[in-house]
Amino acid sequence: MIEMLVGLNITNEEGYANYRAGMTPLLEAAGGGFGYDFRVAETLKSETDEKINRVFTIYFPDSETMNKFFSNSEYLDIKKEHFEGAVASTTIMQTYKRKES
């Protein structure tokens, strides 16, 4: 498995919830999912100037599946409709091989 640790600056909670509702079935159909998901109240240290108020992990079976997912036209339509107006910035903090449990 490959997993990413992602930070977002969400500016429209409803729009972001619509994005998640639309993209999650596609993610799960690709064998992926979310591992952890947090709303962040305070950032003590950061390597970016971008604000981060949401942190989560997202995983896929492998890198190829991840790349296909993020370039899928259905996903891109959902992203354009809901994500782009709801999220001010995205910070990919880390991409790594996920330990199997």
Protein backbone atom coordinates (compact mmCIF):
# COMPACT_ATOMS: atom_id res chain seq x y z
CA MET A 1 0.00 0.00 0.00
CA ILE A 2 1.01 3.58 -0.60
CA GLU A 3 -0.25 6.30 1.72
CA MET A 4 -0.13 10.09 1.74
CA LEU A 5 -0.30 12.43 4.72
CA VAL A 6 -2.19 15.51 3.52
CA GLY A 7 -2.95 18.90 5.05
CA LEU A 8 -5.69 21.17 3.70
CA ASN A 9 -6.93 24.67 4.33
CA ILE A 10 -10.68 24.18 4.00
CA THR A 11 -12.63 27.41 3.56
CA ASN A 12 -16.05 25.89 2.78
CA GLU A 13 -16.95 22.86 4.91
CA GLU A 14 -20.16 22.08 2.99
CA GLY A 15 -18.37 22.15 -0.37
CA TYR A 16 -15.60 19.92 0.96
CA ALA A 17 -18.17 17.48 2.42
CA ASN A 18 -19.80 17.30 -1.03
CA TYR A 19 -16.39 16.61 -2.58
CA ARG A 20 -15.73 13.77 -0.11
CA ALA A 21 -19.21 12.31 -0.69
CA GLY A 22 -18.65 12.33 -4.44
CA MET A 23 -15.11 11.00 -4.55
CA THR A 24 -15.18 8.39 -1.78
CA PRO A 25 -17.06 5.74 -3.82
CA LEU A 26 -14.47 6.16 -6.61
CA LEU A 27 -11.65 5.89 -4.09
CA GLU A 28 -13.07 2.74 -2.54
CA ALA A 29 -13.72 1.19 -5.98
CA ALA A 30 -10.00 1.72 -6.70
CA GLY A 31 -9.09 -0.18 -3.52
CA GLY A 32 -8.23 2.96 -1.57
CA GLY A 33 -9.57 4.74 1.47
CA PHE A 34 -8.94 7.16 4.30
CA GLY A 35 -6.98 6.01 7.35
CA TYR A 36 -7.12 8.98 9.69
CA ASP A 37 -8.91 12.33 9.48
CA PHE A 38 -8.53 15.28 11.86
CA ARG A 39 -9.78 18.85 12.13
CA VAL A 40 -6.84 20.90 13.35
CA ALA A 41 -7.33 23.80 15.76
CA GLU A 42 -3.73 24.97 16.13
CA THR A 43 -0.52 24.41 14.16
CA LEU A 44 2.59 24.59 16.34
CA LYS A 45 5.22 24.00 13.62
CA SER A 46 4.94 23.87 9.86
CA GLU A 47 7.21 23.68 6.84
CA THR A 48 4.78 25.73 4.73
CA ASP A 49 3.28 29.19 4.93
CA GLU A 50 -0.10 27.74 3.96
CA LYS A 51 -2.71 27.45 6.71
CA ILE A 52 -3.69 23.86 7.59
CA ASN A 53 -6.99 23.12 9.33
CA ARG A 54 -7.54 19.51 8.23
CA VAL A 55 -5.08 16.59 8.23
CA PHE A 56 -5.78 13.10 6.90
CA THR A 57 -4.19 10.02 5.40
CA ILE A 58 -5.34 8.57 2.09
CA TYR A 59 -4.13 5.22 0.79
CA PHE A 60 -4.08 3.17 -2.40
CA PRO A 61 -2.97 -0.37 -3.28
CA ASP A 62 0.05 1.02 -5.20
CA SER A 63 1.49 4.13 -6.90
CA GLU A 64 0.04 3.26 -10.29
CA THR A 65 -3.50 3.03 -8.87
CA MET A 66 -3.00 6.33 -7.03
CA ASN A 67 -1.85 8.10 -10.19
CA LYS A 68 -4.73 6.68 -12.24
CA PHE A 69 -7.21 7.73 -9.55
CA PHE A 70 -6.05 11.35 -9.45
CA SER A 71 -6.10 11.60 -13.28
CA ASN A 72 -9.50 9.87 -13.70
CA SER A 73 -11.90 12.17 -15.56
CA GLU A 74 -14.83 11.39 -13.23
CA TYR A 75 -12.68 12.27 -10.20
CA LEU A 76 -11.45 15.46 -11.89
CA ASP A 77 -15.05 16.56 -12.57
CA ILE A 78 -15.95 16.06 -8.89
CA LYS A 79 -12.81 17.91 -7.83
CA LYS A 80 -13.58 20.85 -10.11
CA GLU A 81 -17.21 21.08 -8.96
CA HIS A 82 -16.67 20.77 -5.20
CA PHE A 83 -13.01 20.84 -4.10
CA GLU A 84 -11.69 23.88 -5.96
CA GLY A 85 -14.13 26.32 -4.35
CA ALA A 86 -13.87 24.74 -0.91
CA VAL A 87 -10.12 24.34 -0.34
CA ALA A 88 -7.66 27.25 -0.38
CA SER A 89 -4.50 25.13 -0.27
CA THR A 90 -3.23 21.56 -0.21
CA THR A 91 0.00 20.42 1.44
CA ILE A 92 1.28 16.91 0.76
CA MET A 93 3.33 16.34 3.90
CA GLN A 94 4.55 12.84 3.07
CA THR A 95 4.03 9.91 0.73
CA TYR A 96 5.21 6.55 2.01
CA LYS A 97 4.70 2.80 1.90
CA ARG A 98 2.00 1.91 4.38
CA LYS A 99 2.77 -0.88 6.84
CA GLU A 100 0.31 -3.74 6.54
CA SER A 101 -1.43 -4.49 9.83
